[in-house]
Protein backbone atom coordinates (compact mmCIF):
# COMPACT_ATOMS: atom_id res chain seq x y z
CA MET A 1 16.03 20.01 10.85
CA ASN A 2 17.53 23.20 9.56
CA THR A 3 20.74 22.86 7.59
CA PRO A 4 22.23 23.97 4.29
CA ARG A 5 20.68 23.13 1.07
CA HIS A 6 23.32 21.25 -0.85
CA PRO A 7 24.12 17.63 0.19
CA LYS A 8 26.16 13.70 -0.29
CA PRO A 9 26.71 9.51 1.45
CA PRO A 10 27.87 5.16 4.13
CA ARG A 11 27.37 1.51 5.05
CA ARG A 12 27.99 -1.59 7.03
CA THR A 13 26.71 -2.99 10.28
CA PRO A 14 28.27 -2.56 13.71
CA LYS A 15 28.37 -4.76 16.68
CA PRO A 16 26.32 -3.27 19.42
CA ALA A 17 27.94 -2.17 22.63
CA THR A 18 27.19 -2.94 26.21
CA ALA A 19 23.60 -3.64 27.10
CA ALA A 20 22.21 -3.22 23.63
CA LYS A 21 22.03 -5.39 20.56
CA PRO A 22 21.42 -3.39 17.41
CA ALA A 23 22.32 -4.08 13.80
CA ALA A 24 20.78 -7.56 13.61
CA PRO A 25 17.12 -7.62 12.58
CA ARG A 26 14.93 -6.91 15.56
CA GLU A 27 11.27 -7.26 16.28
CA LYS A 28 9.08 -4.74 14.56
CA ALA A 29 8.19 -1.81 16.74
CA SER A 30 11.00 -2.46 19.21
CA LEU A 31 12.93 0.46 20.61
CA HIS A 32 16.48 0.48 21.92
CA PRO A 33 16.62 -1.36 25.28
CA ARG A 34 17.61 1.85 27.11
CA ASN A 35 14.91 3.93 25.44
CA ARG A 36 12.59 5.31 28.13
CA HIS A 37 9.56 5.20 25.86
CA GLN A 38 8.76 1.48 25.92
CA GLY A 39 5.16 0.31 26.03
CA HIS A 40 2.13 2.53 26.57
CA TYR A 41 2.35 5.95 28.15
CA ASP A 42 0.92 6.58 31.58
CA PHE A 43 -1.28 9.49 30.56
CA PRO A 44 -2.67 10.21 34.05
CA ARG A 45 0.94 10.61 35.25
CA LEU A 46 1.87 12.80 32.28
CA ILE A 47 -1.22 14.96 32.75
CA LYS A 48 -0.51 15.35 36.46
CA SER A 49 2.92 16.73 35.56
CA SER A 50 1.70 18.69 32.50
CA PRO A 51 -2.04 19.51 32.93
CA GLU A 52 -2.28 21.18 29.50
CA LEU A 53 -1.91 17.73 27.90
CA GLY A 54 -5.31 16.66 29.24
CA LYS A 55 -7.34 18.41 26.57
CA PHE A 56 -5.46 16.64 23.78
CA VAL A 57 -5.82 13.04 24.99
CA ILE A 58 -8.09 10.84 22.85
CA THR A 59 -9.02 7.16 22.68
CA ASN A 60 -7.51 5.58 19.58
CA PRO A 61 -9.19 2.87 17.44
CA TYR A 62 -7.60 0.22 19.68
CA GLY A 63 -9.25 1.61 22.79
CA LYS A 64 -5.99 3.00 24.18
CA GLU A 65 -5.31 6.52 25.38
CA SER A 66 -3.27 8.52 22.88
CA ILE A 67 -3.14 11.94 21.31
CA ASP A 68 -4.23 13.13 17.90
CA PHE A 69 -0.98 13.12 15.94
CA ALA A 70 -2.73 15.02 13.14
CA ASN A 71 -2.95 18.04 15.44
CA PRO A 72 0.34 20.01 15.57
CA ALA A 73 -0.66 21.68 18.85
CA ALA A 74 -1.27 18.27 20.42
CA VAL A 75 2.12 16.96 19.27
CA ARG A 76 3.88 20.05 20.63
CA VAL A 77 2.24 19.75 24.05
CA PHE A 78 2.86 15.99 24.10
CA ASN A 79 6.56 16.52 23.37
CA ARG A 80 6.74 19.13 26.10
CA ALA A 81 5.20 16.67 28.57
CA LEU A 82 7.56 13.86 27.55
CA LEU A 83 10.67 16.03 27.81
CA LYS A 84 9.58 17.18 31.25
CA ALA A 85 8.60 13.75 32.58
CA PHE A 86 11.49 11.70 31.18
CA TYR A 87 14.38 14.16 30.79
CA GLY A 88 13.78 16.89 33.35
CA ILE A 89 13.28 19.64 30.76
CA ALA A 90 10.97 22.08 32.52
CA HIS A 91 10.69 24.64 29.71
CA TRP A 92 10.31 23.70 26.05
CA ASP A 93 8.47 25.27 23.15
CA ILE A 94 9.06 25.95 19.45
CA PRO A 95 7.78 28.55 16.99
CA ALA A 96 4.69 27.68 14.98
CA ASP A 97 5.32 25.55 11.88
CA TYR A 98 8.80 24.41 12.93
CA LEU A 99 9.65 20.71 13.06
CA CYS A 100 8.23 18.99 16.14
CA PRO A 101 9.89 15.57 16.05
CA PRO A 102 8.73 12.33 17.71
CA ILE A 103 10.78 11.96 20.89
CA PRO A 104 11.14 8.13 20.99
CA GLY A 105 12.86 8.00 17.60
CA ARG A 106 15.23 10.80 18.52
CA ALA A 107 16.12 9.00 21.73
CA ASP A 108 16.84 5.78 19.80
CA TYR A 109 19.42 7.55 17.63
CA VAL A 110 21.21 8.88 20.71
CA HIS A 111 21.26 5.49 22.45
CA PHE A 112 22.60 3.63 19.43
CA LEU A 113 25.31 6.26 19.02
CA ALA A 114 26.24 5.66 22.66
CA ASP A 115 26.60 1.96 21.79
CA LEU A 116 28.82 2.84 18.86
CA LEU A 117 31.15 4.83 21.11
CA ALA A 118 31.17 2.02 23.67
CA GLU A 119 31.94 -0.69 21.15
CA ARG A 120 35.71 -0.16 21.28
CA ASN A 121 35.74 1.27 24.77
CA GLU A 122 35.60 -2.16 26.45
CA GLY A 123 31.82 -2.02 26.27
CA VAL A 124 31.65 1.04 28.49
CA ILE A 125 29.62 4.01 27.28
CA PRO A 126 31.70 7.19 27.69
CA ARG A 127 29.77 9.70 29.76
CA GLY A 128 30.11 13.22 31.06
CA ALA A 129 31.38 16.56 29.88
CA ALA A 130 34.49 15.07 28.29
CA ILE A 131 32.31 13.78 25.44
CA LYS A 132 31.54 16.47 22.88
CA ALA A 133 28.77 16.01 20.31
CA LEU A 134 27.90 18.15 17.30
CA ASP A 135 24.23 18.26 16.28
CA VAL A 136 24.21 19.33 12.64
CA GLY A 137 20.94 21.16 12.03
CA THR A 138 19.74 21.21 15.61
CA GLY A 139 16.55 23.03 14.62
CA ALA A 140 14.22 25.04 16.81
CA ASN A 141 13.50 22.01 18.99
CA CYS A 142 17.07 21.24 20.19
CA VAL A 143 15.90 17.72 21.04
CA TYR A 144 19.09 15.72 20.44
CA PRO A 145 21.21 17.86 22.80
CA LEU A 146 18.49 17.78 25.46
CA ILE A 147 18.22 13.99 25.38
CA GLY A 148 21.95 13.34 24.96
CA HIS A 149 22.90 15.55 27.87
CA SER A 150 20.16 14.16 30.12
CA GLU A 151 21.00 10.52 29.39
CA TYR A 152 24.79 10.61 29.20
CA GLY A 153 25.96 14.01 30.40
CA TRP A 154 27.51 14.77 27.00
CA HIS A 155 28.15 18.37 26.00
CA PHE A 156 26.70 19.56 22.71
CA LEU A 157 27.11 22.17 20.04
CA GLY A 158 24.06 22.61 17.81
CA SER A 159 24.47 24.23 14.40
CA ASP A 160 21.87 25.65 12.06
CA ILE A 161 21.38 28.05 9.15
CA ASP A 162 18.03 29.38 10.39
CA LYS A 163 18.23 32.36 12.76
CA ILE A 164 14.72 31.77 14.15
CA ALA A 165 15.56 28.13 14.90
CA LEU A 166 18.79 29.17 16.61
CA ALA A 167 16.96 31.77 18.70
CA SER A 168 14.42 29.14 19.76
CA ALA A 169 17.12 26.62 20.66
CA THR A 170 18.98 29.30 22.63
CA THR A 171 15.82 30.16 24.55
CA ILE A 172 15.27 26.49 25.46
CA VAL A 173 18.87 26.11 26.64
CA LYS A 174 18.78 29.26 28.76
CA ALA A 175 15.34 28.53 30.22
CA ASN A 176 16.61 25.17 31.48
CA GLN A 177 19.96 26.59 32.68
CA LEU A 178 21.93 24.34 30.35
CA GLY A 179 24.22 27.01 28.92
CA LYS A 180 27.36 25.29 30.20
CA ALA A 181 26.42 22.00 28.52
CA ILE A 182 24.75 23.06 25.25
CA GLY A 183 25.83 25.77 22.83
CA VAL A 184 24.42 26.84 19.47
CA ARG A 185 26.16 28.30 16.45
CA GLU A 186 25.03 29.66 13.10
CA GLN A 187 26.37 28.18 9.88
CA SER A 188 26.50 31.54 8.15
CA ASN A 189 27.14 30.19 4.65
CA ARG A 190 24.00 28.37 3.53
CA LYS A 191 25.93 26.55 0.81
CA TYR A 192 27.89 24.55 3.37
CA ILE A 193 27.21 22.11 6.18
CA LEU A 194 30.49 21.72 8.09
CA ALA A 195 32.85 23.94 6.11
CA GLY A 196 33.73 27.07 8.09
CA LEU A 197 31.66 25.93 11.07
CA LEU A 198 34.25 24.56 13.47
CA GLU A 199 36.97 26.42 15.33
CA ARG A 200 40.47 25.15 14.61
CA ASP A 201 41.02 23.74 18.11
CA GLU A 202 37.57 22.13 18.53
CA ARG A 203 37.20 18.35 18.76
CA PHE A 204 34.01 16.29 18.68
CA ASP A 205 33.60 12.64 19.57
CA ILE A 206 30.38 12.21 17.60
CA THR A 207 28.14 14.14 15.22
CA LEU A 208 24.40 13.73 14.65
CA CYS A 209 22.30 14.92 11.73
CA ASN A 210 18.66 14.71 10.72
CA PRO A 211 18.94 15.71 7.05
CA PRO A 212 16.21 17.18 4.87
CA PHE A 213 14.65 14.09 3.32
CA HIS A 214 12.90 15.53 0.28
CA ALA A 215 14.04 17.15 -2.95
CA SER A 216 11.17 19.68 -3.13
CA GLN A 217 8.19 21.08 -1.26
CA GLU A 218 5.89 19.06 -3.52
CA GLU A 219 7.66 15.85 -2.58
CA ALA A 220 7.38 16.72 1.12
CA LEU A 221 3.65 17.32 0.73
CA ARG A 222 3.16 13.99 -1.03
CA GLY A 223 5.11 12.28 1.75
CA SER A 224 2.84 13.76 4.41
CA GLN A 225 -0.27 12.76 2.50
CA ARG A 226 0.95 9.17 2.28
CA LYS A 227 1.55 9.16 6.04
CA TRP A 228 -1.95 10.40 6.78
CA ARG A 229 -3.48 7.74 4.52
CA ALA A 230 -1.36 5.05 6.18
CA LEU A 231 -2.52 6.22 9.60
CA GLY A 232 -6.14 6.18 8.51
CA LYS A 233 -6.48 9.91 9.12
CA ALA A 234 -7.39 11.04 5.62
CA ASP A 235 -10.91 12.08 6.59
CA PRO A 236 -12.27 14.33 3.80
CA LYS A 237 -14.45 16.18 6.32
CA ARG A 238 -11.50 17.21 8.36
CA LYS A 239 -8.75 19.74 7.75
CA LEU A 240 -5.40 18.03 8.26
CA PRO A 241 -2.05 19.77 8.70
CA VAL A 242 -0.13 20.39 5.50
CA LEU A 243 3.09 18.81 6.75
CA ASN A 244 3.59 15.92 9.14
CA PHE A 245 5.07 17.22 12.44
CA GLY A 246 5.47 20.68 10.85
CA GLY A 247 8.74 21.82 9.39
CA GLN A 248 10.34 24.69 7.50
CA ALA A 249 11.85 24.42 4.03
CA ALA A 250 15.43 23.68 5.10
CA GLU A 251 14.18 21.13 7.63
CA LEU A 252 12.28 19.06 5.08
CA TRP A 253 13.71 19.50 1.61
CA CYS A 254 16.75 20.67 -0.30
CA GLU A 255 17.96 20.56 -3.87
CA GLY A 256 18.84 16.97 -4.68
CA GLY A 257 17.11 15.63 -1.58
CA GLU A 258 18.61 13.43 1.08
CA ALA A 259 21.13 11.65 -1.15
CA ARG A 260 22.78 14.85 -2.29
CA PHE A 261 22.76 16.35 1.19
CA VAL A 262 24.41 13.33 2.77
CA ALA A 263 26.95 13.15 -0.08
CA GLN A 264 27.93 16.75 0.63
CA LEU A 265 28.07 16.05 4.36
CA ILE A 266 30.50 13.19 3.71
CA ALA A 267 32.64 15.29 1.40
CA GLU A 268 32.86 18.10 3.96
CA SER A 269 33.50 15.64 6.79
CA ALA A 270 36.73 14.62 5.07
CA GLN A 271 37.91 18.23 5.32
CA VAL A 272 37.58 18.20 9.12
CA SER A 273 38.39 14.51 9.61
CA GLY A 274 41.02 15.18 12.27
CA GLN A 275 38.55 17.10 14.45
CA VAL A 276 35.83 14.43 14.72
CA LEU A 277 36.09 10.80 15.80
CA TRP A 278 32.75 9.58 14.40
CA PHE A 279 30.41 11.30 11.98
CA SER A 280 26.82 10.14 11.59
CA THR A 281 23.55 10.97 9.87
CA LEU A 282 20.06 9.58 9.67
CA VAL A 283 19.11 8.07 6.30
CA SER A 284 15.37 7.82 5.70
CA LYS A 285 15.51 5.99 2.37
CA ALA A 286 17.26 2.62 2.25
CA SER A 287 17.53 3.05 -1.50
CA ASN A 288 20.11 5.81 -0.87
CA LEU A 289 22.51 3.49 0.96
CA PRO A 290 24.45 2.14 -2.05
CA LEU A 291 25.27 5.67 -3.22
CA ILE A 292 26.17 6.68 0.32
CA GLN A 293 28.49 3.71 0.74
CA SER A 294 30.26 4.32 -2.55
CA THR A 295 30.70 7.99 -1.62
CA LEU A 296 32.24 6.98 1.69
CA LYS A 297 34.68 4.70 -0.07
CA LYS A 298 35.67 7.41 -2.55
CA THR A 299 36.10 9.94 0.23
CA GLY A 300 38.49 7.70 2.14
CA ALA A 301 36.44 6.74 5.19
CA LEU A 302 38.30 3.91 6.95
CA GLU A 303 35.31 2.41 8.72
CA SER A 304 31.54 2.78 8.40
CA HIS A 305 28.41 1.23 9.88
CA VAL A 306 24.71 1.17 9.12
CA VAL A 307 22.55 0.80 12.23
CA GLU A 308 18.91 -0.15 11.67
CA MET A 309 16.22 1.18 14.01
CA SER A 310 12.50 0.63 14.36
CA GLN A 311 9.82 2.76 16.00
CA GLY A 312 6.28 1.47 15.59
CA GLN A 313 5.60 0.98 11.91
CA LYS A 314 8.52 3.18 10.97
CA GLN A 315 11.84 1.69 9.92
CA SER A 316 14.80 4.04 10.09
CA ARG A 317 18.57 3.89 10.17
CA PHE A 318 21.68 5.95 10.59
CA VAL A 319 25.09 5.71 8.98
CA ALA A 320 28.27 6.37 10.95
CA TRP A 321 31.81 6.70 9.59
CA THR A 322 35.31 7.62 10.70
CA PHE A 323 38.60 8.60 9.08
CA HIS A 324 40.60 7.31 12.06
CA ASP A 325 42.24 3.88 11.97
CA LYS A 326 42.15 1.61 15.03
CA ALA A 327 45.38 3.02 16.49
CA ARG A 328 44.24 6.63 16.16
CA GLN A 329 40.85 5.75 17.63
CA ALA A 330 42.59 4.22 20.64
CA ALA A 331 44.82 7.30 21.03
CA TRP A 332 41.77 9.57 20.83
CA ARG A 333 40.00 7.62 23.58
CA ALA A 334 43.06 7.54 25.81
CA GLU A 335 43.53 11.28 25.48
CA ARG A 336 39.91 12.42 25.80
CA TRP A 337 37.75 9.80 27.51
CA SER A 338 39.67 8.90 30.66
CA ALA A 339 37.51 11.33 32.65
CA GLY A 340 34.35 9.69 31.35
CA LYS A 341 35.16 6.16 32.53
């Protein structure tokens, strides 16, 4: 993701909404029930829709068809095929060396956020253009807006500090004729995340954020090396990519790392608390949660949740918080969501 460099932090566990049951411990490797990426991929079907994928398909150590996730070109083409097959995105590409995220995990975040919105909406997920989402650090890939709009019809604004990333996201939006549903905007002051970003009359029902996880380039490199070893890909005879899934500086690291970034995000969220119903951010390191929760308390958040997620061997989570009490939440829904029911 591409966002400012200075950061800050939430916690608790929500009840799921409608057809999903999050929060409580779930089986390892399970995705959200509405996630389209359950089980093994039908590679012949994917290749029929996206022929370029054929040259990247391999047989993994378990005898199953897969792709070589150590090959950035393979991951990019695989993502393109998934977005086309599952979300109707006909045109998608990103500049070399920009973050190419795993689609199933991104979809999980969107689905669990939909559950969060539904939780106090009588179990009904609000859908359609009435629901506005802000993707903080949308990056060159623009994946959250693409999935969120496809699945729920939400309208998105994606922000970023990187002009190349914004140009790429704009190209994707225009190529798929989604200009009425997805907009992009530059955060021109790299010191800030939300400050100065929103127009005075703008309102958002939810925000998303994939923060830079590392405190330095060196830490990001070590993280990638650990991932390759864990995946059994550290073959000394083979040249592996430097960074897992690619990524530019602001996408992967910032001064103070994830904890500081999320802390700053929380602090700035308080300044625009009346314009957003629910804020949220991914948190890669569970060890950062206590600091995040104490920061939320100090900042005056009235409610917060930690939602655990699992994709394969990876455990992840996001934190969501609001400055609106129950009465104001109900008033917000009554005013804005009636069209989405």
